[in-house]
PDB file of N, CA and C in Angstrom:
ATOM      1  N   MET A   1     106.917 -34.670 149.285  1.00  0.00           N
ATOM      2  CA  MET A   1     107.021 -34.059 148.004  1.00  0.00           C
ATOM      3  C   MET A   1     106.029 -32.948 147.815  1.00  0.00           C
ATOM      4  N   GLY A   2     106.400 -31.970 147.116  1.00  0.00           N
ATOM      5  CA  GLY A   2     105.522 -30.838 146.892  1.00  0.00           C
ATOM      6  C   GLY A   2     104.568 -31.040 145.765  1.00  0.00           C
ATOM      7  N   GLU A   3     103.641 -30.111 145.612  1.00  0.00           N
ATOM      8  CA  GLU A   3     102.666 -30.215 144.514  1.00  0.00           C
ATOM      9  C   GLU A   3     103.305 -30.113 143.114  1.00  0.00           C
ATOM     10  N   ALA A   4     104.311 -29.259 143.018  1.00  0.00           N
ATOM     11  CA  ALA A   4     104.982 -29.117 141.714  1.00  0.00           C
ATOM     12  C   ALA A   4     105.728 -30.481 141.374  1.00  0.00           C
ATOM     13  N   SER A   5     106.279 -31.104 142.352  1.00  0.00           N
ATOM     14  CA  SER A   5     106.961 -32.359 142.118  1.00  0.00           C
ATOM     15  C   SER A   5     105.956 -33.450 141.735  1.00  0.00           C
ATOM     16  N   ASP A   6     104.790 -33.440 142.356  1.00  0.00           N
ATOM     17  CA  ASP A   6     103.734 -34.422 142.002  1.00  0.00           C
ATOM     18  C   ASP A   6     103.238 -34.192 140.589  1.00  0.00           C
ATOM     19  N   LYS A   7     103.100 -32.905 140.197  1.00  0.00           N
ATOM     20  CA  LYS A   7     102.645 -32.619 138.886  1.00  0.00           C
ATOM     21  C   LYS A   7     103.688 -33.030 137.860  1.00  0.00           C
ATOM     22  N   ARG A   8     104.932 -32.843 138.106  1.00  0.00           N
ATOM     23  CA  ARG A   8     106.005 -33.254 137.210  1.00  0.00           C
ATOM     24  C   ARG A   8     105.995 -34.807 137.067  1.00  0.00           C
ATOM     25  N   ARG A   9     105.917 -35.473 138.168  1.00  0.00           N
ATOM     26  CA  ARG A   9     105.856 -36.965 138.095  1.00  0.00           C
ATOM     27  C   ARG A   9     104.658 -37.455 137.325  1.00  0.00           C
ATOM     28  N   GLN A  10     103.513 -36.822 137.460  1.00  0.00           N
ATOM     29  CA  GLN A  10     102.323 -37.189 136.727  1.00  0.00           C
ATOM     30  C   GLN A  10     102.560 -36.929 135.222  1.00  0.00           C
ATOM     31  N   LYS A  11     103.094 -35.759 134.893  1.00  0.00           N
ATOM     32  CA  LYS A  11     103.433 -35.439 133.478  1.00  0.00           C
ATOM     33  C   LYS A  11     104.371 -36.420 132.858  1.00  0.00           C
ATOM     34  N   LEU A  12     105.426 -36.826 133.620  1.00  0.00           N
ATOM     35  CA  LEU A  12     106.371 -37.848 133.118  1.00  0.00           C
ATOM     36  C   LEU A  12     105.674 -39.163 132.912  1.00  0.00           C
ATOM     37  N   TRP A  13     104.840 -39.557 133.831  1.00  0.00           N
ATOM     38  CA  TRP A  13     104.101 -40.787 133.663  1.00  0.00           C
ATOM     39  C   TRP A  13     103.166 -40.767 132.426  1.00  0.00           C
ATOM     40  N   GLU A  14     102.507 -39.653 132.208  1.00  0.00           N
ATOM     41  CA  GLU A  14     101.637 -39.497 131.032  1.00  0.00           C
ATOM     42  C   GLU A  14     102.472 -39.621 129.719  1.00  0.00           C
ATOM     43  N   HIS A  15     103.688 -39.045 129.716  1.00  0.00           N
ATOM     44  CA  HIS A  15     104.547 -39.154 128.556  1.00  0.00           C
ATOM     45  C   HIS A  15     104.966 -40.643 128.383  1.00  0.00           C
ATOM     46  N   TYR A  16     105.390 -41.223 129.455  1.00  0.00           N
ATOM     47  CA  TYR A  16     105.774 -42.677 129.412  1.00  0.00           C
ATOM     48  C   TYR A  16     104.671 -43.535 128.807  1.00  0.00           C
ATOM     49  N   MET A  17     103.476 -43.314 129.305  1.00  0.00           N
ATOM     50  CA  MET A  17     102.289 -44.138 128.775  1.00  0.00           C
ATOM     51  C   MET A  17     102.034 -43.793 127.326  1.00  0.00           C
ATOM     52  N   GLU A  18     102.220 -42.573 126.920  1.00  0.00           N
ATOM     53  CA  GLU A  18     102.046 -42.243 125.472  1.00  0.00           C
ATOM     54  C   GLU A  18     103.029 -43.033 124.612  1.00  0.00           C
ATOM     55  N   VAL A  19     104.250 -43.097 125.075  1.00  0.00           N
ATOM     56  CA  VAL A  19     105.306 -43.865 124.341  1.00  0.00           C
ATOM     57  C   VAL A  19     104.908 -45.320 124.282  1.00  0.00           C
ATOM     58  N   GLU A  20     104.420 -45.865 125.423  1.00  0.00           N
ATOM     59  CA  GLU A  20     104.001 -47.279 125.473  1.00  0.00           C
ATOM     60  C   GLU A  20     102.861 -47.569 124.493  1.00  0.00           C
ATOM     61  N   ARG A  21     101.911 -46.639 124.450  1.00  0.00           N
ATOM     62  CA  ARG A  21     100.804 -46.813 123.599  1.00  0.00           C
ATOM     63  C   ARG A  21     101.189 -46.784 122.091  1.00  0.00           C
ATOM     64  N   LYS A  22     102.119 -45.893 121.781  1.00  0.00           N
ATOM     65  CA  LYS A  22     102.689 -45.865 120.357  1.00  0.00           C
ATOM     66  C   LYS A  22     103.369 -47.112 120.015  1.00  0.00           C
ATOM     67  N   GLU A  23     104.144 -47.630 120.945  1.00  0.00           N
ATOM     68  CA  GLU A  23     104.865 -48.951 120.718  1.00  0.00           C
ATOM     69  C   GLU A  23     103.791 -50.078 120.498  1.00  0.00           C
ATOM     70  N   LEU A  24     102.825 -50.066 121.319  1.00  0.00           N
ATOM     71  CA  LEU A  24     101.743 -51.047 121.233  1.00  0.00           C
ATOM     72  C   LEU A  24     101.064 -50.943 119.798  1.00  0.00           C
ATOM     73  N   GLU A  25     100.856 -49.805 119.325  1.00  0.00           N
ATOM     74  CA  GLU A  25     100.206 -49.603 117.983  1.00  0.00           C
ATOM     75  C   GLU A  25     101.159 -50.162 116.918  1.00  0.00           C
ATOM     76  N   GLN A  26     102.489 -49.953 117.045  1.00  0.00           N
ATOM     77  CA  GLN A  26     103.481 -50.464 116.063  1.00  0.00           C
ATOM     78  C   GLN A  26     103.402 -51.999 116.088  1.00  0.00           C
ATOM     79  N   ARG A  27     103.324 -52.578 117.283  1.00  0.00           N
ATOM     80  CA  ARG A  27     103.248 -54.014 117.374  1.00  0.00           C
ATOM     81  C   ARG A  27     101.947 -54.580 116.742  1.00  0.00           C
ATOM     82  N   ARG A  28     100.856 -53.829 116.903  1.00  0.00           N
ATOM     83  CA  ARG A  28      99.601 -54.229 116.259  1.00  0.00           C
ATOM     84  C   ARG A  28      99.711 -54.347 114.755  1.00  0.00           C
ATOM     85  N   SER A  29     100.599 -53.508 114.155  1.00  0.00           N
ATOM     86  CA  SER A  29     100.786 -53.473 112.710  1.00  0.00           C
ATOM     87  C   SER A  29     101.837 -54.432 112.285  1.00  0.00           C
ATOM     88  N   GLY A  30     102.423 -55.236 113.275  1.00  0.00           N
ATOM     89  CA  GLY A  30     103.416 -56.236 112.932  1.00  0.00           C
ATOM     90  C   GLY A  30     104.733 -55.726 112.549  1.00  0.00           C
ATOM     91  N   GLN A  31     105.234 -54.685 113.131  1.00  0.00           N
ATOM     92  CA  GLN A  31     106.467 -54.058 112.768  1.00  0.00           C
ATOM     93  C   GLN A  31     107.664 -54.679 113.440  1.00  0.00           C
ATOM     94  N   LEU A  32     107.783 -55.952 113.366  1.00  0.00           N
ATOM     95  CA  LEU A  32     109.016 -56.624 113.907  1.00  0.00           C
ATOM     96  C   LEU A  32     110.083 -56.778 112.782  1.00  0.00           C
ATOM     97  N   GLY A  33     109.706 -56.539 111.606  1.00  0.00           N
ATOM     98  CA  GLY A  33     110.659 -56.660 110.487  1.00  0.00           C
ATOM     99  C   GLY A  33     110.440 -57.855 109.672  1.00  0.00           C
ATOM    100  N   ARG A  34     111.365 -58.154 108.759  1.00  0.00           N
ATOM    101  CA  ARG A  34     111.193 -59.283 107.851  1.00  0.00           C
ATOM    102  C   ARG A  34     112.364 -60.255 108.183  1.00  0.00           C
ATOM    103  N   ALA A  35     112.176 -61.424 107.714  1.00  0.00           N
ATOM    104  CA  ALA A  35     113.199 -62.504 107.941  1.00  0.00           C
ATOM    105  C   ALA A  35     114.492 -62.159 107.249  1.00  0.00           C
ATOM    106  N   LEU A  36     115.536 -62.437 107.947  1.00  0.00           N
ATOM    107  CA  LEU A  36     116.845 -62.249 107.320  1.00  0.00           C
ATOM    108  C   LEU A  36     117.235 -63.523 106.543  1.00  0.00           C
ATOM    109  N   PRO A  37     118.267 -63.474 105.656  1.00  0.00           N
ATOM    110  CA  PRO A  37     118.562 -64.588 104.823  1.00  0.00           C
ATOM    111  C   PRO A  37     118.699 -65.965 105.524  1.00  0.00           C
ATOM    112  N   ASP A  38     119.283 -65.915 106.682  1.00  0.00           N
ATOM    113  CA  ASP A  38     119.487 -67.249 107.386  1.00  0.00           C
ATOM    114  C   ASP A  38     118.377 -67.572 108.337  1.00  0.00           C
ATOM    115  N   GLU A  39     117.260 -66.845 108.337  1.00  0.00           N
ATOM    116  CA  GLU A  39     116.163 -67.102 109.275  1.00  0.00           C
ATOM    117  C   GLU A  39     115.033 -67.831 108.567  1.00  0.00           C
ATOM    118  N   SER A  40     114.232 -68.560 109.331  1.00  0.00           N
ATOM    119  CA  SER A  40     113.057 -69.164 108.842  1.00  0.00           C
ATOM    120  C   SER A  40     111.952 -68.150 108.792  1.00  0.00           C
ATOM    121  N   HIS A  41     111.404 -67.976 107.570  1.00  0.00           N
ATOM    122  CA  HIS A  41     110.274 -67.044 107.351  1.00  0.00           C
ATOM    123  C   HIS A  41     109.088 -67.516 108.190  1.00  0.00           C
ATOM    124  N   GLU A  42     108.878 -68.802 108.300  1.00  0.00           N
ATOM    125  CA  GLU A  42     107.702 -69.329 109.058  1.00  0.00           C
ATOM    126  C   GLU A  42     107.885 -68.989 110.492  1.00  0.00           C
ATOM    127  N   LYS A  43     109.058 -69.219 111.056  1.00  0.00           N
ATOM    128  CA  LYS A  43     109.328 -69.023 112.488  1.00  0.00           C
ATOM    129  C   LYS A  43     109.162 -67.536 112.804  1.00  0.00           C
ATOM    130  N   LEU A  44     109.696 -66.612 112.000  1.00  0.00           N
ATOM    131  CA  LEU A  44     109.553 -65.208 112.266  1.00  0.00           C
ATOM    132  C   LEU A  44     108.091 -64.830 112.130  1.00  0.00           C
ATOM    133  N   GLU A  45     107.397 -65.351 111.180  1.00  0.00           N
ATOM    134  CA  GLU A  45     105.920 -65.018 110.992  1.00  0.00           C
ATOM    135  C   GLU A  45     105.157 -65.462 112.229  1.00  0.00           C
ATOM    136  N   ARG A  46     105.495 -66.612 112.731  1.00  0.00           N
ATOM    137  CA  ARG A  46     104.791 -67.042 114.013  1.00  0.00           C
ATOM    138  C   ARG A  46     105.085 -66.099 115.165  1.00  0.00           C
ATOM    139  N   ILE A  47     106.280 -65.666 115.283  1.00  0.00           N
ATOM    140  CA  ILE A  47     106.618 -64.661 116.352  1.00  0.00           C
ATOM    141  C   ILE A  47     105.879 -63.382 116.116  1.00  0.00           C
ATOM    142  N   VAL A  48     105.895 -62.850 114.865  1.00  0.00           N
ATOM    143  CA  VAL A  48     105.162 -61.642 114.564  1.00  0.00           C
ATOM    144  C   VAL A  48     103.689 -61.774 114.862  1.00  0.00           C
ATOM    145  N   GLU A  49     103.081 -62.867 114.438  1.00  0.00           N
ATOM    146  CA  GLU A  49     101.631 -63.049 114.589  1.00  0.00           C
ATOM    147  C   GLU A  49     101.301 -63.188 116.110  1.00  0.00           C
ATOM    148  N   GLU A  50     102.097 -63.858 116.889  1.00  0.00           N
ATOM    149  CA  GLU A  50     101.827 -63.948 118.327  1.00  0.00           C
ATOM    150  C   GLU A  50     101.945 -62.609 118.997  1.00  0.00           C
ATOM    151  N   ASP A  51     102.991 -61.835 118.567  1.00  0.00           N
ATOM    152  CA  ASP A  51     103.187 -60.479 119.100  1.00  0.00           C
ATOM    153  C   ASP A  51     102.017 -59.595 118.677  1.00  0.00           C
ATOM    154  N   ARG A  52     101.590 -59.632 117.447  1.00  0.00           N
ATOM    155  CA  ARG A  52     100.453 -58.878 116.977  1.00  0.00           C
ATOM    156  C   ARG A  52      99.163 -59.162 117.766  1.00  0.00           C
ATOM    157  N   ARG A  53      98.956 -60.470 118.023  1.00  0.00           N
ATOM    158  CA  ARG A  53      97.758 -60.878 118.772  1.00  0.00           C
ATOM    159  C   ARG A  53      97.757 -60.328 120.184  1.00  0.00           C
ATOM    160  N   LYS A  54      98.912 -60.388 120.827  1.00  0.00           N
ATOM    161  CA  LYS A  54      99.041 -59.804 122.177  1.00  0.00           C
ATOM    162  C   LYS A  54      98.773 -58.336 122.126  1.00  0.00           C
ATOM    163  N   ALA A  55      99.391 -57.672 121.180  1.00  0.00           N
ATOM    164  CA  ALA A  55      99.229 -56.267 121.070  1.00  0.00           C
ATOM    165  C   ALA A  55      97.784 -55.856 120.798  1.00  0.00           C
ATOM    166  N   GLU A  56      97.029 -56.585 119.962  1.00  0.00           N
ATOM    167  CA  GLU A  56      95.636 -56.308 119.731  1.00  0.00           C
ATOM    168  C   GLU A  56      94.788 -56.507 121.035  1.00  0.00           C
ATOM    169  N   GLU A  57      95.245 -57.335 121.927  1.00  0.00           N
ATOM    170  CA  GLU A  57      94.653 -57.506 123.197  1.00  0.00           C
ATOM    171  C   GLU A  57      95.031 -56.442 124.192  1.00  0.00           C
ATOM    172  N   GLY A  58      96.030 -55.570 123.824  1.00  0.00           N
ATOM    173  CA  GLY A  58      96.516 -54.593 124.685  1.00  0.00           C
ATOM    174  C   GLY A  58      97.521 -55.031 125.683  1.00  0.00           C
ATOM    175  N   LEU A  59      98.124 -56.146 125.421  1.00  0.00           N
ATOM    176  CA  LEU A  59      99.083 -56.720 126.364  1.00  0.00           C
ATOM    177  C   LEU A  59     100.530 -56.246 126.111  1.00  0.00           C
ATOM    178  N   VAL A  60     101.185 -55.945 127.193  1.00  0.00           N
ATOM    179  CA  VAL A  60     102.644 -55.620 127.101  1.00  0.00           C
ATOM    180  C   VAL A  60     103.397 -56.587 127.902  1.00  0.00           C
ATOM    181  N   GLU A  61     104.641 -56.879 127.459  1.00  0.00           N
ATOM    182  CA  GLU A  61     105.471 -57.843 128.126  1.00  0.00           C
ATOM    183  C   GLU A  61     106.234 -57.228 129.252  1.00  0.00           C
ATOM    184  N   LEU A  62     106.332 -58.003 130.371  1.00  0.00           N
ATOM    185  CA  LEU A  62     107.164 -57.561 131.504  1.00  0.00           C
ATOM    186  C   LEU A  62     108.122 -58.731 131.808  1.00  0.00           C
ATOM    187  N   ARG A  63     109.305 -58.488 132.277  1.00  0.00           N
ATOM    188  CA  ARG A  63     110.319 -59.485 132.586  1.00  0.00           C
ATOM    189  C   ARG A  63     110.994 -59.185 133.899  1.00  0.00           C
ATOM    190  N   SER A  64     111.399 -60.265 134.527  1.00  0.00           N
ATOM    191  CA  SER A  64     112.318 -60.234 135.665  1.00  0.00           C
ATOM    192  C   SER A  64     113.150 -61.484 135.615  1.00  0.00           C
ATOM    193  N   GLY A  65     114.388 -61.367 135.186  1.00  0.00           N
ATOM    194  CA  GLY A  65     115.221 -62.553 135.013  1.00  0.00           C
ATOM    195  C   GLY A  65     114.594 -63.405 133.915  1.00  0.00           C
ATOM    196  N   ASP A  66     114.386 -64.632 134.283  1.00  0.00           N
ATOM    197  CA  ASP A  66     113.786 -65.626 133.295  1.00  0.00           C
ATOM    198  C   ASP A  66     112.267 -65.587 133.294  1.00  0.00           C
ATOM    199  N   LYS A  67     111.741 -64.887 134.168  1.00  0.00           N
ATOM    200  CA  LYS A  67     110.219 -64.808 134.338  1.00  0.00           C
ATOM    201  C   LYS A  67     109.690 -63.830 133.395  1.00  0.00           C
ATOM    202  N   VAL A  68     108.673 -64.253 132.588  1.00  0.00           N
ATOM    203  CA  VAL A  68     108.038 -63.337 131.597  1.00  0.00           C
ATOM    204  C   VAL A  68     106.533 -63.428 131.863  1.00  0.00           C
ATOM    205  N   TRP A  69     105.891 -62.249 131.898  1.00  0.00           N
ATOM    206  CA  TRP A  69     104.455 -62.245 132.030  1.00  0.00           C
ATOM    207  C   TRP A  69     103.904 -60.977 131.230  1.00  0.00           C
ATOM    208  N   TYR A  70     102.587 -60.970 131.090  1.00  0.00           N
ATOM    209  CA  TYR A  70     101.947 -59.944 130.280  1.00  0.00           C
ATOM    210  C   TYR A  70     100.890 -59.231 131.132  1.00  0.00           C
ATOM    211  N   LYS A  71     100.697 -57.962 130.841  1.00  0.00           N
ATOM    212  CA  LYS A  71      99.768 -57.121 131.599  1.00  0.00           C
ATOM    213  C   LYS A  71      99.118 -56.228 130.590  1.00  0.00           C
ATOM    214  N   HIS A  72      97.820 -55.927 130.841  1.00  0.00           N
ATOM    215  CA  HIS A  72      97.130 -54.976 129.980  1.00  0.00           C
ATOM    216  C   HIS A  72      97.689 -53.584 130.152  1.00  0.00           C
ATOM    217  N   ILE A  73      97.889 -52.858 129.142  1.00  0.00           N
ATOM    218  CA  ILE A  73      98.495 -51.544 129.123  1.00  0.00           C
ATOM    219  C   ILE A  73      97.795 -50.612 130.127  1.00  0.00           C
ATOM    220  N   ASP A  74      96.497 -50.753 130.239  1.00  0.00           N
ATOM    221  CA  ASP A  74      95.715 -49.884 131.120  1.00  0.00           C
ATOM    222  C   ASP A  74      95.922 -50.244 132.601  1.00  0.00           C
ATOM    223  N   GLU A  75      96.587 -51.355 132.846  1.00  0.00           N
ATOM    224  CA  GLU A  75      96.822 -51.781 134.281  1.00  0.00           C
ATOM    225  C   GLU A  75      98.260 -51.486 134.706  1.00  0.00           C
ATOM    226  N   LEU A  76      99.062 -50.949 133.734  1.00  0.00           N
ATOM    227  CA  LEU A  76     100.453 -50.633 134.130  1.00  0.00           C
ATOM    228  C   LEU A  76     100.517 -49.602 135.217  1.00  0.00           C
ATOM    229  N   THR A  77     101.482 -49.742 136.159  1.00  0.00           N
ATOM    230  CA  THR A  77     101.760 -48.792 137.148  1.00  0.00           C
ATOM    231  C   THR A  77     103.248 -48.396 137.077  1.00  0.00           C
ATOM    232  N   ARG A  78     103.525 -47.351 137.828  1.00  0.00           N
ATOM    233  CA  ARG A  78     104.971 -46.931 137.866  1.00  0.00           C
ATOM    234  C   ARG A  78     105.884 -48.065 138.329  1.00  0.00           C
ATOM    235  N   GLU A  79     105.386 -48.943 139.162  1.00  0.00           N
ATOM    236  CA  GLU A  79     106.179 -50.035 139.672  1.00  0.00           C
ATOM    237  C   GLU A  79     106.487 -51.056 138.580  1.00  0.00           C
ATOM    238  N   ASP A  80     105.702 -51.029 137.485  1.00  0.00           N
ATOM    239  CA  ASP A  80     105.966 -51.957 136.348  1.00  0.00           C
ATOM    240  C   ASP A  80     107.094 -51.568 135.450  1.00  0.00           C
ATOM    241  N   ARG A  81     107.608 -50.341 135.642  1.00  0.00           N
ATOM    242  CA  ARG A  81     108.630 -49.851 134.710  1.00  0.00           C
ATOM    243  C   ARG A  81     109.898 -50.700 134.648  1.00  0.00           C
ATOM    244  N   PRO A  82     110.395 -51.211 135.801  1.00  0.00           N
ATOM    245  CA  PRO A  82     111.584 -52.059 135.661  1.00  0.00           C
ATOM    246  C   PRO A  82     111.320 -53.272 134.847  1.00  0.00           C
ATOM    247  N   GLY A  83     110.128 -53.897 134.922  1.00  0.00           N
ATOM    248  CA  GLY A  83     109.788 -55.037 134.172  1.00  0.00           C
ATOM    249  C   GLY A  83     109.668 -54.739 132.706  1.00  0.00           C
ATOM    250  N   ARG A  84     109.131 -53.527 132.405  1.00  0.00           N
ATOM    251  CA  ARG A  84     109.023 -53.140 130.991  1.00  0.00           C
ATOM    252  C   ARG A  84     110.437 -52.833 130.398  1.00  0.00           C
ATOM    253  N   ILE A  85     111.265 -52.187 131.212  1.00  0.00           N
ATOM    254  CA  ILE A  85     112.667 -51.916 130.755  1.00  0.00           C
ATOM    255  C   ILE A  85     113.418 -53.197 130.456  1.00  0.00           C
ATOM    256  N   GLU A  86     113.299 -54.149 131.317  1.00  0.00           N
ATOM    257  CA  GLU A  86     113.980 -55.450 131.147  1.00  0.00           C
ATOM    258  C   GLU A  86     113.435 -56.084 129.880  1.00  0.00           C
ATOM    259  N   SER A  87     112.170 -56.042 129.639  1.00  0.00           N
ATOM    260  CA  SER A  87     111.520 -56.599 128.476  1.00  0.00           C
ATOM    261  C   SER A  87     112.038 -55.954 127.180  1.00  0.00           C
ATOM    262  N   GLU A  88     112.086 -54.624 127.226  1.00  0.00           N
ATOM    263  CA  GLU A  88     112.590 -53.870 126.012  1.00  0.00           C
ATOM    264  C   GLU A  88     114.099 -54.152 125.844  1.00  0.00           C
ATOM    265  N   ASN A  89     114.861 -54.284 126.870  1.00  0.00           N
ATOM    266  CA  ASN A  89     116.245 -54.652 126.674  1.00  0.00           C
ATOM    267  C   ASN A  89     116.405 -56.018 126.099  1.00  0.00           C
ATOM    268  N   ALA A  90     115.544 -56.970 126.487  1.00  0.00           N
ATOM    269  CA  ALA A  90     115.584 -58.367 125.874  1.00  0.00           C
ATOM    270  C   ALA A  90     115.227 -58.215 124.397  1.00  0.00           C
ATOM    271  N   ARG A  91     114.212 -57.449 124.052  1.00  0.00           N
ATOM    272  CA  ARG A  91     113.820 -57.303 122.648  1.00  0.00           C
ATOM    273  C   ARG A  91     115.008 -56.684 121.825  1.00  0.00           C
ATOM    274  N   ALA A  92     115.608 -55.673 122.397  1.00  0.00           N
ATOM    275  CA  ALA A  92     116.716 -55.034 121.686  1.00  0.00           C
ATOM    276  C   ALA A  92     117.895 -55.965 121.480  1.00  0.00           C
ATOM    277  N   ALA A  93     118.142 -56.797 122.474  1.00  0.00           N
ATOM    278  CA  ALA A  93     119.273 -57.747 122.318  1.00  0.00           C
ATOM    279  C   ALA A  93     118.937 -58.772 121.281  1.00  0.00           C
ATOM    280  N   TRP A  94     117.652 -59.223 121.186  1.00  0.00           N
ATOM    281  CA  TRP A  94     117.250 -60.178 120.138  1.00  0.00           C
ATOM    282  C   TRP A  94     117.508 -59.513 118.761  1.00  0.00           C
ATOM    283  N   ILE A  95     117.064 -58.310 118.624  1.00  0.00           N
ATOM    284  CA  ILE A  95     117.202 -57.615 117.320  1.00  0.00           C
ATOM    285  C   ILE A  95     118.676 -57.432 116.995  1.00  0.00           C
ATOM    286  N   GLN A  96     119.467 -57.075 117.993  1.00  0.00           N
ATOM    287  CA  GLN A  96     120.909 -56.844 117.764  1.00  0.00           C
ATOM    288  C   GLN A  96     121.542 -58.185 117.327  1.00  0.00           C
ATOM    289  N   GLU A  97     121.205 -59.286 117.964  1.00  0.00           N
ATOM    290  CA  GLU A  97     121.732 -60.537 117.545  1.00  0.00           C
ATOM    291  C   GLU A  97     121.353 -60.933 116.120  1.00  0.00           C
ATOM    292  N   ARG A  98     120.130 -60.637 115.764  1.00  0.00           N
ATOM    293  CA  ARG A  98     119.687 -60.954 114.430  1.00  0.00           C
ATOM    294  C   ARG A  98     120.515 -60.148 113.403  1.00  0.00           C
ATOM    295  N   LEU A  99     120.750 -58.853 113.702  1.00  0.00           N
ATOM    296  CA  LEU A  99     121.549 -58.006 112.876  1.00  0.00           C
ATOM    297  C   LEU A  99     123.014 -58.404 112.783  1.00  0.00           C
ATOM    298  N   ARG A 100     123.508 -58.872 113.886  1.00  0.00           N
ATOM    299  CA  ARG A 100     124.913 -59.304 113.963  1.00  0.00           C
ATOM    300  C   ARG A 100     125.058 -60.558 113.091  1.00  0.00           C
ATOM    301  N   ARG A 101     124.129 -61.464 113.169  1.00  0.00           N
ATOM    302  CA  ARG A 101     124.183 -62.681 112.313  1.00  0.00           C
ATOM    303  C   ARG A 101     124.107 -62.314 110.827  1.00  0.00           C
ATOM    304  N   GLN A 102     123.301 -61.306 110.501  1.00  0.00           N
ATOM    305  CA  GLN A 102     123.184 -60.883 109.150  1.00  0.00           C
ATOM    306  C   GLN A 102     124.457 -60.323 108.574  1.00  0.00           C
ATOM    307  N   SER A 103     125.220 -59.604 109.416  1.00  0.00           N
ATOM    308  CA  SER A 103     126.422 -58.928 108.922  1.00  0.00           C
ATOM    309  C   SER A 103     127.668 -59.798 108.916  1.00  0.00           C
ATOM    310  N   ARG A 104     127.562 -61.028 109.446  1.00  0.00           N
ATOM    311  CA  ARG A 104     128.668 -61.967 109.448  1.00  0.00           C
ATOM    312  C   ARG A 104     129.010 -62.371 108.019  1.00  0.00           C
ATOM    313  N   PRO A 105     130.298 -62.404 107.693  1.00  0.00           N
ATOM    314  CA  PRO A 105     130.646 -62.862 106.334  1.00  0.00           C
ATOM    315  C   PRO A 105     130.326 -64.377 106.264  1.00  0.00           C
ATOM    316  N   ARG A 106     129.951 -64.760 105.102  1.00  0.00           N
ATOM    317  CA  ARG A 106     129.559 -66.188 104.848  1.00  0.00           C
ATOM    318  C   ARG A 106     130.707 -66.945 104.196  1.00  0.00           C
TER     319      ARG A 106
END
Protein backbone atom coordinates (compact mmCIF):
# COMPACT_ATOMS: atom_id res chain seq x y z
CA MET A 1 0.00 0.00 0.00
CA GLY A 2 1.14 3.49 -0.71
CA GLU A 3 1.48 6.43 1.64
CA ALA A 4 -1.76 8.01 0.38
CA SER A 5 -3.63 4.79 1.10
CA ASP A 6 -2.13 4.58 4.60
CA LYS A 7 -3.14 8.18 5.31
CA ARG A 8 -6.68 7.48 4.11
CA ARG A 9 -6.93 4.38 6.31
CA GLN A 10 -5.69 6.37 9.29
CA LYS A 11 -8.19 9.17 8.59
CA LEU A 12 -11.03 6.63 8.36
CA TRP A 13 -9.93 5.01 11.62
CA GLU A 14 -9.86 8.40 13.36
CA HIS A 15 -13.39 9.11 12.13
CA TYR A 16 -14.56 5.68 13.28
CA MET A 17 -13.11 6.28 16.74
CA GLU A 18 -14.73 9.72 16.90
CA VAL A 19 -18.12 8.10 16.28
CA GLU A 20 -17.38 5.44 18.93
CA ARG A 21 -16.50 8.14 21.47
CA LYS A 22 -19.71 10.07 20.73
CA GLU A 23 -21.75 6.92 21.23
CA LEU A 24 -19.91 6.22 24.48
CA GLU A 25 -20.81 9.72 25.69
CA GLN A 26 -24.48 9.11 24.84
CA ARG A 27 -24.39 5.89 26.85
CA ARG A 28 -22.82 7.74 29.79
CA SER A 29 -25.88 9.98 29.85
CA GLY A 30 -28.23 6.96 29.83
CA GLN A 31 -29.76 7.50 26.41
CA LEU A 32 -31.35 4.09 26.00
CA GLY A 33 -34.82 5.53 26.19
CA ARG A 34 -37.77 5.06 28.48
CA ALA A 35 -39.81 2.02 29.30
CA LEU A 36 -42.63 1.22 26.93
CA PRO A 37 -46.13 0.53 28.30
CA ASP A 38 -45.64 -3.26 28.43
CA GLU A 39 -42.11 -3.12 29.88
CA SER A 40 -40.90 -3.20 33.44
CA HIS A 41 -39.55 0.22 34.39
CA GLU A 42 -37.31 -1.46 36.96
CA LYS A 43 -35.84 -3.89 34.44
CA LEU A 44 -35.11 -1.16 31.90
CA GLU A 45 -33.61 1.03 34.62
CA ARG A 46 -31.26 -1.82 35.60
CA ILE A 47 -30.22 -2.22 31.96
CA VAL A 48 -29.67 1.53 31.58
CA GLU A 49 -27.72 1.76 34.84
CA GLU A 50 -25.45 -1.17 33.92
CA ASP A 51 -24.85 0.30 30.47
CA ARG A 52 -24.12 3.72 31.98
CA ARG A 53 -21.65 2.20 34.45
CA LYS A 54 -19.78 0.41 31.69
CA ALA A 55 -19.76 3.58 29.58
CA GLU A 56 -18.35 5.59 32.50
CA GLU A 57 -15.54 3.03 32.67
CA GLY A 58 -14.93 3.55 28.94
CA LEU A 59 -16.03 0.02 28.04
CA VAL A 60 -17.58 -0.90 24.72
CA GLU A 61 -19.29 -4.18 23.94
CA LEU A 62 -18.00 -6.65 21.38
CA ARG A 63 -19.79 -9.79 20.18
CA SER A 64 -19.13 -12.89 18.20
CA GLY A 65 -22.15 -15.16 18.05
CA ASP A 66 -23.24 -15.79 21.64
CA LYS A 67 -19.92 -14.60 23.08
CA VAL A 68 -20.00 -11.08 24.57
CA TRP A 69 -17.04 -9.22 26.05
CA TYR A 70 -16.02 -5.66 26.84
CA LYS A 71 -12.94 -3.69 25.95
CA HIS A 72 -11.77 -0.21 26.90
CA ILE A 73 -12.32 2.20 24.02
CA ASP A 74 -8.64 3.21 24.03
CA GLU A 75 -7.67 -0.42 23.40
CA LEU A 76 -9.85 -0.90 20.31
CA THR A 77 -8.09 -1.89 17.12
CA ARG A 78 -9.20 -2.17 13.53
CA GLU A 79 -9.56 -5.90 14.10
CA ASP A 80 -12.27 -5.20 16.71
CA ARG A 81 -14.62 -3.63 14.18
CA PRO A 82 -16.48 -6.86 13.31
CA GLY A 83 -17.18 -7.43 17.02
CA ARG A 84 -18.38 -3.85 17.42
CA ILE A 85 -20.58 -4.13 14.34
CA GLU A 86 -22.13 -7.34 15.63
CA SER A 87 -22.74 -5.68 18.98
CA GLU A 88 -24.40 -2.67 17.37
CA ASN A 89 -26.55 -4.96 15.23
CA ALA A 90 -27.70 -6.81 18.37
CA ARG A 91 -28.54 -3.50 20.08
CA ALA A 92 -30.47 -2.31 17.01
CA ALA A 93 -32.41 -5.61 16.89
CA TRP A 94 -33.31 -5.22 20.60
CA ILE A 95 -34.56 -1.67 19.99
CA GLN A 96 -36.52 -2.76 16.91
CA GLU A 97 -38.16 -5.58 18.85
CA ARG A 98 -39.16 -3.15 21.61
CA LEU A 99 -40.70 -0.80 19.05
CA ARG A 100 -42.46 -3.67 17.26
CA ARG A 101 -44.04 -4.76 20.57
CA GLN A 102 -45.15 -1.20 21.22
CA SER A 103 -46.87 -0.86 17.86
CA ARG A 104 -48.83 -4.15 18.13
CA PRO A 105 -52.55 -3.62 18.60
CA ARG A 106 -53.77 -4.65 22.04
